[in-house]
Amino acid sequence: MPLESHLASLSEKHQKLDTIILKEELRPSPDSVVLHELKKEKLKLKDEIERYKRTG
């Protein structure tokens, strides 16, 4: 059960980052540095989720 809970937490963080990225992209002057960092973090979460799915 802890693995499922951890995966759910990672998925929730991934979705929240998606929302934050969308909001940043819709701003009149999006900050490209912030977007880059957010997208990098989102990709790290996606990789971690996939790694847990393969081993779980």
PDB file of N, CA and C in Angstrom:
ATOM      1  N   MET A   1       0.801  -1.201   0.000  1.00  0.00           N
ATOM      2  CA  MET A   1       0.000   0.000   0.000  1.00  0.00           C
ATOM      3  C   MET A   1       0.849   1.273   0.000  1.00  0.00           C
ATOM      4  N   PRO A   2       1.977   1.305   0.687  1.00  0.00           N
ATOM      5  CA  PRO A   2       2.782   2.529   0.667  1.00  0.00           C
ATOM      6  C   PRO A   2       3.215   2.923  -0.750  1.00  0.00           C
ATOM      7  N   LEU A   3       3.487   1.943  -1.603  1.00  0.00           N
ATOM      8  CA  LEU A   3       3.894   2.239  -2.976  1.00  0.00           C
ATOM      9  C   LEU A   3       2.758   2.931  -3.719  1.00  0.00           C
ATOM     10  N   GLU A   4       1.549   2.435  -3.563  1.00  0.00           N
ATOM     11  CA  GLU A   4       0.394   3.055  -4.216  1.00  0.00           C
ATOM     12  C   GLU A   4       0.190   4.477  -3.710  1.00  0.00           C
ATOM     13  N   SER A   5       0.380   4.673  -2.429  1.00  0.00           N
ATOM     14  CA  SER A   5       0.232   5.993  -1.826  1.00  0.00           C
ATOM     15  C   SER A   5       1.299   6.945  -2.374  1.00  0.00           C
ATOM     16  N   HIS A   6       2.512   6.449  -2.490  1.00  0.00           N
ATOM     17  CA  HIS A   6       3.613   7.269  -3.022  1.00  0.00           C
ATOM     18  C   HIS A   6       3.352   7.619  -4.483  1.00  0.00           C
ATOM     19  N   LEU A   7       2.899   6.659  -5.262  1.00  0.00           N
ATOM     20  CA  LEU A   7       2.578   6.919  -6.667  1.00  0.00           C
ATOM     21  C   LEU A   7       1.460   7.949  -6.795  1.00  0.00           C
ATOM     22  N   ALA A   8       0.468   7.853  -5.945  1.00  0.00           N
ATOM     23  CA  ALA A   8      -0.633   8.819  -5.968  1.00  0.00           C
ATOM     24  C   ALA A   8      -0.122  10.214  -5.641  1.00  0.00           C
ATOM     25  N   SER A   9       0.772  10.295  -4.686  1.00  0.00           N
ATOM     26  CA  SER A   9       1.356  11.583  -4.310  1.00  0.00           C
ATOM     27  C   SER A   9       2.166  12.175  -5.459  1.00  0.00           C
ATOM     28  N   LEU A  10       2.969  11.339  -6.108  1.00  0.00           N
ATOM     29  CA  LEU A  10       3.773  11.805  -7.246  1.00  0.00           C
ATOM     30  C   LEU A  10       2.871  12.257  -8.390  1.00  0.00           C
ATOM     31  N   SER A  11       1.821  11.509  -8.644  1.00  0.00           N
ATOM     32  CA  SER A  11       0.887  11.870  -9.713  1.00  0.00           C
ATOM     33  C   SER A  11       0.188  13.189  -9.418  1.00  0.00           C
ATOM     34  N   GLU A  12      -0.151  13.393  -8.155  1.00  0.00           N
ATOM     35  CA  GLU A  12      -0.793  14.646  -7.761  1.00  0.00           C
ATOM     36  C   GLU A  12       0.163  15.831  -7.961  1.00  0.00           C
ATOM     37  N   LYS A  13       1.418  15.656  -7.569  1.00  0.00           N
ATOM     38  CA  LYS A  13       2.416  16.709  -7.767  1.00  0.00           C
ATOM     39  C   LYS A  13       2.607  17.001  -9.256  1.00  0.00           C
ATOM     40  N   HIS A  14       2.612  15.943 -10.057  1.00  0.00           N
ATOM     41  CA  HIS A  14       2.776  16.081 -11.506  1.00  0.00           C
ATOM     42  C   HIS A  14       1.624  16.903 -12.086  1.00  0.00           C
ATOM     43  N   GLN A  15       0.407  16.603 -11.651  1.00  0.00           N
ATOM     44  CA  GLN A  15      -0.769  17.327 -12.134  1.00  0.00           C
ATOM     45  C   GLN A  15      -0.736  18.788 -11.691  1.00  0.00           C
ATOM     46  N   LYS A  16      -0.327  19.041 -10.457  1.00  0.00           N
ATOM     47  CA  LYS A  16      -0.237  20.410  -9.964  1.00  0.00           C
ATOM     48  C   LYS A  16       0.781  21.214 -10.778  1.00  0.00           C
ATOM     49  N   LEU A  17       1.910  20.585 -11.101  1.00  0.00           N
ATOM     50  CA  LEU A  17       2.908  21.262 -11.920  1.00  0.00           C
ATOM     51  C   LEU A  17       2.347  21.578 -13.297  1.00  0.00           C
ATOM     52  N   ASP A  18       1.568  20.670 -13.836  1.00  0.00           N
ATOM     53  CA  ASP A  18       0.934  20.891 -15.137  1.00  0.00           C
ATOM     54  C   ASP A  18       0.056  22.144 -15.090  1.00  0.00           C
ATOM     55  N   THR A  19      -0.700  22.290 -14.029  1.00  0.00           N
ATOM     56  CA  THR A  19      -1.572  23.454 -13.851  1.00  0.00           C
ATOM     57  C   THR A  19      -0.752  24.737 -13.714  1.00  0.00           C
ATOM     58  N   ILE A  20       0.306  24.678 -12.928  1.00  0.00           N
ATOM     59  CA  ILE A  20       1.162  25.851 -12.728  1.00  0.00           C
ATOM     60  C   ILE A  20       1.817  26.258 -14.044  1.00  0.00           C
ATOM     61  N   ILE A  21       2.278  25.276 -14.803  1.00  0.00           N
ATOM     62  CA  ILE A  21       2.900  25.554 -16.104  1.00  0.00           C
ATOM     63  C   ILE A  21       1.898  26.221 -17.042  1.00  0.00           C
ATOM     64  N   LEU A  22       0.702  25.697 -17.085  1.00  0.00           N
ATOM     65  CA  LEU A  22      -0.330  26.274 -17.949  1.00  0.00           C
ATOM     66  C   LEU A  22      -0.616  27.725 -17.567  1.00  0.00           C
ATOM     67  N   LYS A  23      -0.741  27.984 -16.266  1.00  0.00           N
ATOM     68  CA  LYS A  23      -0.987  29.354 -15.810  1.00  0.00           C
ATOM     69  C   LYS A  23       0.155  30.278 -16.205  1.00  0.00           C
ATOM     70  N   GLU A  24       1.382  29.791 -16.067  1.00  0.00           N
ATOM     71  CA  GLU A  24       2.543  30.610 -16.434  1.00  0.00           C
ATOM     72  C   GLU A  24       2.548  30.888 -17.937  1.00  0.00           C
ATOM     73  N   GLU A  25       2.238  29.887 -18.728  1.00  0.00           N
ATOM     74  CA  GLU A  25       2.224  30.056 -20.183  1.00  0.00           C
ATOM     75  C   GLU A  25       1.146  31.043 -20.630  1.00  0.00           C
ATOM     76  N   LEU A  26       0.072  31.152 -19.868  1.00  0.00           N
ATOM     77  CA  LEU A  26      -1.030  32.033 -20.231  1.00  0.00           C
ATOM     78  C   LEU A  26      -0.843  33.471 -19.752  1.00  0.00           C
ATOM     79  N   ARG A  27       0.183  33.689 -18.940  1.00  0.00           N
ATOM     80  CA  ARG A  27       0.446  35.062 -18.484  1.00  0.00           C
ATOM     81  C   ARG A  27       0.858  35.924 -19.682  1.00  0.00           C
ATOM     82  N   PRO A  28       0.614  37.225 -19.592  1.00  0.00           N
ATOM     83  CA  PRO A  28       0.994  38.119 -20.703  1.00  0.00           C
ATOM     84  C   PRO A  28       2.485  38.042 -21.062  1.00  0.00           C
ATOM     85  N   SER A  29       3.334  37.904 -20.052  1.00  0.00           N
ATOM     86  CA  SER A  29       4.776  37.785 -20.306  1.00  0.00           C
ATOM     87  C   SER A  29       5.325  36.601 -19.512  1.00  0.00           C
ATOM     88  N   PRO A  30       5.165  35.400 -20.035  1.00  0.00           N
ATOM     89  CA  PRO A  30       5.644  34.222 -19.302  1.00  0.00           C
ATOM     90  C   PRO A  30       7.156  34.282 -19.078  1.00  0.00           C
ATOM     91  N   ASP A  31       7.566  33.821 -17.932  1.00  0.00           N
ATOM     92  CA  ASP A  31       8.988  33.772 -17.592  1.00  0.00           C
ATOM     93  C   ASP A  31       9.567  32.461 -18.112  1.00  0.00           C
ATOM     94  N   SER A  32      10.410  32.551 -19.102  1.00  0.00           N
ATOM     95  CA  SER A  32      10.954  31.344 -19.736  1.00  0.00           C
ATOM     96  C   SER A  32      11.838  30.539 -18.788  1.00  0.00           C
ATOM     97  N   VAL A  33      12.520  31.205 -17.887  1.00  0.00           N
ATOM     98  CA  VAL A  33      13.370  30.493 -16.926  1.00  0.00           C
ATOM     99  C   VAL A  33      12.498  29.685 -15.966  1.00  0.00           C
ATOM    100  N   VAL A  34      11.450  30.310 -15.478  1.00  0.00           N
ATOM    101  CA  VAL A  34      10.524  29.615 -14.577  1.00  0.00           C
ATOM    102  C   VAL A  34       9.877  28.439 -15.303  1.00  0.00           C
ATOM    103  N   LEU A  35       9.435  28.659 -16.513  1.00  0.00           N
ATOM    104  CA  LEU A  35       8.827  27.577 -17.299  1.00  0.00           C
ATOM    105  C   LEU A  35       9.790  26.415 -17.489  1.00  0.00           C
ATOM    106  N   HIS A  36      11.021  26.738 -17.800  1.00  0.00           N
ATOM    107  CA  HIS A  36      12.029  25.698 -18.005  1.00  0.00           C
ATOM    108  C   HIS A  36      12.212  24.864 -16.733  1.00  0.00           C
ATOM    109  N   GLU A  37      12.310  25.531 -15.597  1.00  0.00           N
ATOM    110  CA  GLU A  37      12.503  24.821 -14.332  1.00  0.00           C
ATOM    111  C   GLU A  37      11.274  23.974 -13.973  1.00  0.00           C
ATOM    112  N   LEU A  38      10.103  24.525 -14.184  1.00  0.00           N
ATOM    113  CA  LEU A  38       8.880  23.776 -13.896  1.00  0.00           C
ATOM    114  C   LEU A  38       8.766  22.539 -14.783  1.00  0.00           C
ATOM    115  N   LYS A  39       9.070  22.699 -16.053  1.00  0.00           N
ATOM    116  CA  LYS A  39       8.991  21.571 -16.981  1.00  0.00           C
ATOM    117  C   LYS A  39      10.035  20.512 -16.648  1.00  0.00           C
ATOM    118  N   LYS A  40      11.201  20.953 -16.212  1.00  0.00           N
ATOM    119  CA  LYS A  40      12.252  20.018 -15.816  1.00  0.00           C
ATOM    120  C   LYS A  40      11.809  19.212 -14.598  1.00  0.00           C
ATOM    121  N   GLU A  41      11.211  19.882 -13.636  1.00  0.00           N
ATOM    122  CA  GLU A  41      10.707  19.203 -12.438  1.00  0.00           C
ATOM    123  C   GLU A  41       9.584  18.230 -12.796  1.00  0.00           C
ATOM    124  N   LYS A  42       8.710  18.637 -13.696  1.00  0.00           N
ATOM    125  CA  LYS A  42       7.609  17.774 -14.130  1.00  0.00           C
ATOM    126  C   LYS A  42       8.152  16.513 -14.813  1.00  0.00           C
ATOM    127  N   LEU A  43       9.170  16.668 -15.610  1.00  0.00           N
ATOM    128  CA  LEU A  43       9.783  15.524 -16.288  1.00  0.00           C
ATOM    129  C   LEU A  43      10.439  14.573 -15.276  1.00  0.00           C
ATOM    130  N   LYS A  44      11.083  15.132 -14.258  1.00  0.00           N
ATOM    131  CA  LYS A  44      11.684  14.293 -13.223  1.00  0.00           C
ATOM    132  C   LYS A  44      10.613  13.472 -12.506  1.00  0.00           C
ATOM    133  N   LEU A  45       9.487  14.113 -12.221  1.00  0.00           N
ATOM    134  CA  LEU A  45       8.387  13.397 -11.574  1.00  0.00           C
ATOM    135  C   LEU A  45       7.844  12.293 -12.481  1.00  0.00           C
ATOM    136  N   LYS A  46       7.694  12.601 -13.762  1.00  0.00           N
ATOM    137  CA  LYS A  46       7.199  11.604 -14.708  1.00  0.00           C
ATOM    138  C   LYS A  46       8.137  10.407 -14.756  1.00  0.00           C
ATOM    139  N   ASP A  47       9.439  10.663 -14.802  1.00  0.00           N
ATOM    140  CA  ASP A  47      10.419   9.580 -14.823  1.00  0.00           C
ATOM    141  C   ASP A  47      10.345   8.738 -13.554  1.00  0.00           C
ATOM    142  N   GLU A  48      10.180   9.412 -12.413  1.00  0.00           N
ATOM    143  CA  GLU A  48      10.087   8.688 -11.149  1.00  0.00           C
ATOM    144  C   GLU A  48       8.817   7.839 -11.101  1.00  0.00           C
ATOM    145  N   ILE A  49       7.707   8.376 -11.584  1.00  0.00           N
ATOM    146  CA  ILE A  49       6.461   7.618 -11.630  1.00  0.00           C
ATOM    147  C   ILE A  49       6.629   6.382 -12.498  1.00  0.00           C
ATOM    148  N   GLU A  50       7.208   6.552 -13.667  1.00  0.00           N
ATOM    149  CA  GLU A  50       7.415   5.409 -14.567  1.00  0.00           C
ATOM    150  C   GLU A  50       8.335   4.362 -13.951  1.00  0.00           C
ATOM    151  N   ARG A  51       9.365   4.807 -13.254  1.00  0.00           N
ATOM    152  CA  ARG A  51      10.295   3.873 -12.616  1.00  0.00           C
ATOM    153  C   ARG A  51       9.559   3.049 -11.547  1.00  0.00           C
ATOM    154  N   TYR A  52       8.720   3.694 -10.748  1.00  0.00           N
ATOM    155  CA  TYR A  52       7.968   2.977  -9.726  1.00  0.00           C
ATOM    156  C   TYR A  52       6.957   2.017 -10.345  1.00  0.00           C
ATOM    157  N   LYS A  53       6.347   2.406 -11.442  1.00  0.00           N
ATOM    158  CA  LYS A  53       5.371   1.531 -12.099  1.00  0.00           C
ATOM    159  C   LYS A  53       6.048   0.264 -12.631  1.00  0.00           C
ATOM    160  N   ARG A  54       7.252   0.423 -13.151  1.00  0.00           N
ATOM    161  CA  ARG A  54       7.977  -0.737 -13.685  1.00  0.00           C
ATOM    162  C   ARG A  54       8.408  -1.699 -12.586  1.00  0.00           C
ATOM    163  N   THR A  55       8.797  -1.151 -11.430  1.00  0.00           N
ATOM    164  CA  THR A  55       9.305  -2.009 -10.353  1.00  0.00           C
ATOM    165  C   THR A  55       8.202  -2.478  -9.413  1.00  0.00           C
ATOM    166  N   GLY A  56       7.055  -1.800  -9.442  1.00  0.00           N
ATOM    167  CA  GLY A  56       5.991  -2.097  -8.478  1.00  0.00           C
ATOM    168  C   GLY A  56       5.133  -3.197  -8.900  1.00  0.00           C
TER     169      GLY A  56
END
